[in-house]
Amino acid sequence: MEISRGHTIIQSLYSLLQTLPDVEFIRPIQNLSGATIGEHTRHIIEMFQCLEAGYDAGQVCYEDRKRDPMLQTNRQAALRALEEIAVQWEKTDKPILLLAQSYADISPVQSSYCRELIYCTDHCIHHQALIKVALLELKRPEAVDGAFGVAPSTIAWRQKQGT
């Protein structure tokens, strides 16, 4: 995977959080069933943390997230965690065993570090799209650019279409 793509996506979230008032970070969003930008940010962070925590052992279980309330209620803690994520990606690709505890009938799945990094990055984009919904409800559409929460393949397709 091109690491710079992942860095760009994480940097866009980091940039948003730098400018977001604390009160908006923790405000429940009606259009997200009461979830907050902080909760979506925590989820993004913890997916990457699970991957990094499992790297040495060669296995990852995304269900083992800590669900740390500090990451969803303290914007500065979330910013620090994003900084840590951005410097951890310079690892060699290697086999990773993906564990899915909630699917007890499914055996562990063979994957790789780079494949899981792509998954976490794409999952991040999905949650950024939900954060964009929150920003629209907060009447803050200017807080992010048009690429925030949009998959790179969609951006490329739109450019080809001239839209």
C-alpha atoms as a PDB file:
ATOM      1  CA  MET A   1       0.000   0.000   0.000  1.00  0.00           C
ATOM      2  CA  GLU A   2       1.137   3.475  -0.647  1.00  0.00           C
ATOM      3  CA  ILE A   3       1.771   4.672   2.901  1.00  0.00           C
ATOM      4  CA  SER A   4       1.361   8.304   1.887  1.00  0.00           C
ATOM      5  CA  ARG A   5      -2.337   7.712   1.124  1.00  0.00           C
ATOM      6  CA  GLY A   6      -2.916   6.512   4.669  1.00  0.00           C
ATOM      7  CA  HIS A   7      -0.913   9.394   6.085  1.00  0.00           C
ATOM      8  CA  THR A   8      -2.980  11.862   4.058  1.00  0.00           C
ATOM      9  CA  ILE A   9      -6.230  10.399   5.373  1.00  0.00           C
ATOM     10  CA  ILE A  10      -5.063  10.427   8.996  1.00  0.00           C
ATOM     11  CA  GLN A  11      -3.654  13.947   8.535  1.00  0.00           C
ATOM     12  CA  SER A  12      -7.035  15.189   7.293  1.00  0.00           C
ATOM     13  CA  LEU A  13      -8.680  13.919  10.478  1.00  0.00           C
ATOM     14  CA  TYR A  14      -5.877  15.383  12.585  1.00  0.00           C
ATOM     15  CA  SER A  15      -6.278  18.773  10.872  1.00  0.00           C
ATOM     16  CA  LEU A  16     -10.020  18.745  11.495  1.00  0.00           C
ATOM     17  CA  LEU A  17      -9.581  17.921  15.169  1.00  0.00           C
ATOM     18  CA  GLN A  18      -7.068  20.731  15.605  1.00  0.00           C
ATOM     19  CA  THR A  19      -9.730  23.255  14.629  1.00  0.00           C
ATOM     20  CA  LEU A  20     -12.782  21.600  16.166  1.00  0.00           C
ATOM     21  CA  PRO A  21     -14.027  23.103  19.442  1.00  0.00           C
ATOM     22  CA  ASP A  22     -14.095  20.608  22.324  1.00  0.00           C
ATOM     23  CA  VAL A  23     -17.838  21.075  22.723  1.00  0.00           C
ATOM     24  CA  GLU A  24     -18.399  19.935  19.117  1.00  0.00           C
ATOM     25  CA  PHE A  25     -16.095  16.932  19.594  1.00  0.00           C
ATOM     26  CA  ILE A  26     -18.392  15.555  22.308  1.00  0.00           C
ATOM     27  CA  ARG A  27     -21.792  16.834  21.129  1.00  0.00           C
ATOM     28  CA  PRO A  28     -24.284  14.031  20.353  1.00  0.00           C
ATOM     29  CA  ILE A  29     -25.346  14.176  16.710  1.00  0.00           C
ATOM     30  CA  GLN A  30     -29.007  13.448  16.046  1.00  0.00           C
ATOM     31  CA  ASN A  31     -28.367  12.221  12.483  1.00  0.00           C
ATOM     32  CA  LEU A  32     -25.843   9.708  13.868  1.00  0.00           C
ATOM     33  CA  SER A  33     -28.224   8.238  16.456  1.00  0.00           C
ATOM     34  CA  GLY A  34     -26.635  10.341  19.171  1.00  0.00           C
ATOM     35  CA  ALA A  35     -23.045   9.323  18.413  1.00  0.00           C
ATOM     36  CA  THR A  36     -20.358  11.998  18.659  1.00  0.00           C
ATOM     37  CA  ILE A  37     -17.422  12.983  16.487  1.00  0.00           C
ATOM     38  CA  GLY A  38     -15.310  11.859  19.425  1.00  0.00           C
ATOM     39  CA  GLU A  39     -16.809   8.369  19.357  1.00  0.00           C
ATOM     40  CA  HIS A  40     -16.113   7.991  15.643  1.00  0.00           C
ATOM     41  CA  THR A  41     -12.597   9.305  16.169  1.00  0.00           C
ATOM     42  CA  ARG A  42     -11.991   6.831  18.988  1.00  0.00           C
ATOM     43  CA  HIS A  43     -13.186   3.986  16.789  1.00  0.00           C
ATOM     44  CA  ILE A  44     -10.788   4.992  14.004  1.00  0.00           C
ATOM     45  CA  ILE A  45      -7.866   5.272  16.412  1.00  0.00           C
ATOM     46  CA  GLU A  46      -8.554   1.961  18.099  1.00  0.00           C
ATOM     47  CA  MET A  47      -8.737   0.045  14.818  1.00  0.00           C
ATOM     48  CA  PHE A  48      -5.216   1.209  13.982  1.00  0.00           C
ATOM     49  CA  GLN A  49      -4.079   0.525  17.551  1.00  0.00           C
ATOM     50  CA  CYS A  50      -5.336  -3.069  17.330  1.00  0.00           C
ATOM     51  CA  LEU A  51      -3.350  -3.617  14.155  1.00  0.00           C
ATOM     52  CA  GLU A  52      -0.206  -2.149  15.673  1.00  0.00           C
ATOM     53  CA  ALA A  53      -0.644  -4.126  18.910  1.00  0.00           C
ATOM     54  CA  GLY A  54      -0.935  -7.371  16.954  1.00  0.00           C
ATOM     55  CA  TYR A  55       1.981  -6.780  14.603  1.00  0.00           C
ATOM     56  CA  ASP A  56       4.711  -8.498  16.641  1.00  0.00           C
ATOM     57  CA  ALA A  57       2.574 -11.548  17.432  1.00  0.00           C
ATOM     58  CA  GLY A  58       1.337 -11.691  13.839  1.00  0.00           C
ATOM     59  CA  GLN A  59      -2.354 -11.658  14.692  1.00  0.00           C
ATOM     60  CA  VAL A  60      -5.038  -9.037  15.087  1.00  0.00           C
ATOM     61  CA  CYS A  61      -8.538  -8.985  16.507  1.00  0.00           C
ATOM     62  CA  TYR A  62     -10.343  -5.687  15.956  1.00  0.00           C
ATOM     63  CA  GLU A  63     -12.947  -6.704  18.519  1.00  0.00           C
ATOM     64  CA  ASP A  64     -10.283  -6.350  21.226  1.00  0.00           C
ATOM     65  CA  ARG A  65     -10.492  -2.558  21.081  1.00  0.00           C
ATOM     66  CA  LYS A  66     -10.098  -0.918  24.491  1.00  0.00           C
ATOM     67  CA  ARG A  67     -12.987   1.494  23.920  1.00  0.00           C
ATOM     68  CA  ASP A  68     -11.082   4.113  25.879  1.00  0.00           C
ATOM     69  CA  PRO A  69     -13.504   6.892  26.889  1.00  0.00           C
ATOM     70  CA  MET A  70     -10.605   9.373  27.036  1.00  0.00           C
ATOM     71  CA  LEU A  71     -10.147   9.128  23.250  1.00  0.00           C
ATOM     72  CA  GLN A  72     -13.762  10.105  22.635  1.00  0.00           C
ATOM     73  CA  THR A  73     -14.087  12.817  25.274  1.00  0.00           C
ATOM     74  CA  ASN A  74     -10.660  14.447  25.244  1.00  0.00           C
ATOM     75  CA  ARG A  75      -9.764  15.935  21.871  1.00  0.00           C
ATOM     76  CA  GLN A  76      -6.114  16.419  22.876  1.00  0.00           C
ATOM     77  CA  ALA A  77      -5.801  12.728  23.770  1.00  0.00           C
ATOM     78  CA  ALA A  78      -7.244  11.830  20.379  1.00  0.00           C
ATOM     79  CA  LEU A  79      -4.762  14.149  18.652  1.00  0.00           C
ATOM     80  CA  ARG A  80      -1.849  12.530  20.506  1.00  0.00           C
ATOM     81  CA  ALA A  81      -3.086   9.066  19.537  1.00  0.00           C
ATOM     82  CA  LEU A  82      -3.334  10.091  15.870  1.00  0.00           C
ATOM     83  CA  GLU A  83       0.247  11.378  16.034  1.00  0.00           C
ATOM     84  CA  GLU A  84       1.368   7.996  17.351  1.00  0.00           C
ATOM     85  CA  ILE A  85      -0.486   6.154  14.599  1.00  0.00           C
ATOM     86  CA  ALA A  86       1.144   8.231  11.884  1.00  0.00           C
ATOM     87  CA  VAL A  87       4.664   7.228  12.948  1.00  0.00           C
ATOM     88  CA  GLN A  88       3.954   3.511  13.401  1.00  0.00           C
ATOM     89  CA  TRP A  89       3.318   2.627   9.759  1.00  0.00           C
ATOM     90  CA  GLU A  90       6.885   2.175   8.626  1.00  0.00           C
ATOM     91  CA  LYS A  91       6.789  -1.558   9.242  1.00  0.00           C
ATOM     92  CA  THR A  92       7.700  -4.411   6.921  1.00  0.00           C
ATOM     93  CA  ASP A  93       4.784  -6.304   5.436  1.00  0.00           C
ATOM     94  CA  LYS A  94       4.331  -9.731   6.973  1.00  0.00           C
ATOM     95  CA  PRO A  95       1.614 -12.360   7.408  1.00  0.00           C
ATOM     96  CA  ILE A  96      -1.087 -11.471   9.910  1.00  0.00           C
ATOM     97  CA  LEU A  97      -3.729 -13.838  11.220  1.00  0.00           C
ATOM     98  CA  LEU A  98      -7.075 -12.049  11.450  1.00  0.00           C
ATOM     99  CA  LEU A  99      -9.228 -13.252  14.346  1.00  0.00           C
ATOM    100  CA  ALA A 100     -12.966 -12.616  14.421  1.00  0.00           C
ATOM    101  CA  GLN A 101     -14.366 -13.547  17.825  1.00  0.00           C
ATOM    102  CA  SER A 102     -17.960 -12.637  17.024  1.00  0.00           C
ATOM    103  CA  TYR A 103     -17.928 -15.177  14.186  1.00  0.00           C
ATOM    104  CA  ALA A 104     -17.102 -18.265  16.253  1.00  0.00           C
ATOM    105  CA  ASP A 105     -17.838 -20.539  13.300  1.00  0.00           C
ATOM    106  CA  ILE A 106     -15.195 -18.842  11.124  1.00  0.00           C
ATOM    107  CA  SER A 107     -11.596 -19.936  11.346  1.00  0.00           C
ATOM    108  CA  PRO A 108      -8.876 -17.315  11.597  1.00  0.00           C
ATOM    109  CA  VAL A 109      -8.196 -15.693   8.218  1.00  0.00           C
ATOM    110  CA  GLN A 110      -4.748 -15.280   6.700  1.00  0.00           C
ATOM    111  CA  SER A 111      -3.974 -11.680   5.812  1.00  0.00           C
ATOM    112  CA  SER A 112      -0.978  -9.380   5.848  1.00  0.00           C
ATOM    113  CA  TYR A 113       0.066  -6.216   7.611  1.00  0.00           C
ATOM    114  CA  CYS A 114      -0.274  -4.113   4.455  1.00  0.00           C
ATOM    115  CA  ARG A 115      -3.697  -5.598   3.660  1.00  0.00           C
ATOM    116  CA  GLU A 116      -4.903  -4.800   7.168  1.00  0.00           C
ATOM    117  CA  LEU A 117      -3.433  -1.312   6.945  1.00  0.00           C
ATOM    118  CA  ILE A 118      -5.503  -0.791   3.788  1.00  0.00           C
ATOM    119  CA  TYR A 119      -8.565  -2.091   5.639  1.00  0.00           C
ATOM    120  CA  CYS A 120      -8.016   0.287   8.569  1.00  0.00           C
ATOM    121  CA  THR A 121      -7.482   3.208   6.201  1.00  0.00           C
ATOM    122  CA  ASP A 122     -10.647   2.436   4.236  1.00  0.00           C
ATOM    123  CA  HIS A 123     -12.544   1.984   7.495  1.00  0.00           C
ATOM    124  CA  CYS A 124     -11.238   5.391   8.568  1.00  0.00           C
ATOM    125  CA  ILE A 125     -12.632   6.941   5.368  1.00  0.00           C
ATOM    126  CA  HIS A 126     -16.037   5.433   6.137  1.00  0.00           C
ATOM    127  CA  HIS A 127     -16.058   6.970   9.618  1.00  0.00           C
ATOM    128  CA  GLN A 128     -14.823  10.288   8.243  1.00  0.00           C
ATOM    129  CA  ALA A 129     -17.901  10.298   6.004  1.00  0.00           C
ATOM    130  CA  LEU A 130     -20.009   9.953   9.154  1.00  0.00           C
ATOM    131  CA  ILE A 131     -18.022  12.742  10.802  1.00  0.00           C
ATOM    132  CA  LYS A 132     -18.842  14.870   7.754  1.00  0.00           C
ATOM    133  CA  VAL A 133     -22.551  14.211   8.426  1.00  0.00           C
ATOM    134  CA  ALA A 134     -21.962  15.462  11.968  1.00  0.00           C
ATOM    135  CA  LEU A 135     -20.275  18.600  10.671  1.00  0.00           C
ATOM    136  CA  LEU A 136     -23.231  19.295   8.400  1.00  0.00           C
ATOM    137  CA  GLU A 137     -25.598  18.991  11.362  1.00  0.00           C
ATOM    138  CA  LEU A 138     -23.318  21.348  13.298  1.00  0.00           C
ATOM    139  CA  LYS A 139     -23.532  23.753  10.333  1.00  0.00           C
ATOM    140  CA  ARG A 140     -19.746  23.455   9.837  1.00  0.00           C
ATOM    141  CA  PRO A 141     -19.343  22.175   6.247  1.00  0.00           C
ATOM    142  CA  GLU A 142     -16.332  24.460   5.765  1.00  0.00           C
ATOM    143  CA  ALA A 143     -14.412  22.488   8.401  1.00  0.00           C
ATOM    144  CA  VAL A 144     -13.351  19.868   5.837  1.00  0.00           C
ATOM    145  CA  ASP A 145     -12.574  19.789   2.155  1.00  0.00           C
ATOM    146  CA  GLY A 146     -14.555  17.818  -0.405  1.00  0.00           C
ATOM    147  CA  ALA A 147     -12.166  14.846  -0.218  1.00  0.00           C
ATOM    148  CA  PHE A 148     -12.737  14.250   3.505  1.00  0.00           C
ATOM    149  CA  GLY A 149     -14.601  10.981   3.945  1.00  0.00           C
ATOM    150  CA  VAL A 150     -14.453  10.103   0.254  1.00  0.00           C
ATOM    151  CA  ALA A 151     -12.573   7.067  -1.047  1.00  0.00           C
ATOM    152  CA  PRO A 152      -9.594   7.837  -3.312  1.00  0.00           C
ATOM    153  CA  SER A 153     -11.165   5.668  -6.046  1.00  0.00           C
ATOM    154  CA  THR A 154     -14.326   7.799  -5.905  1.00  0.00           C
ATOM    155  CA  ILE A 155     -12.289  10.985  -6.112  1.00  0.00           C
ATOM    156  CA  ALA A 156     -10.427   9.622  -9.147  1.00  0.00           C
ATOM    157  CA  TRP A 157     -13.696   8.539 -10.788  1.00  0.00           C
ATOM    158  CA  ARG A 158     -15.263  11.965 -10.183  1.00  0.00           C
ATOM    159  CA  GLN A 159     -12.231  13.639 -11.732  1.00  0.00           C
ATOM    160  CA  LYS A 160     -12.578  11.464 -14.837  1.00  0.00           C
ATOM    161  CA  GLN A 161     -16.257  12.407 -15.011  1.00  0.00           C
ATOM    162  CA  GLY A 162     -15.445  16.081 -14.626  1.00  0.00           C
ATOM    163  CA  THR A 163     -17.603  16.386 -11.486  1.00  0.00           C
END
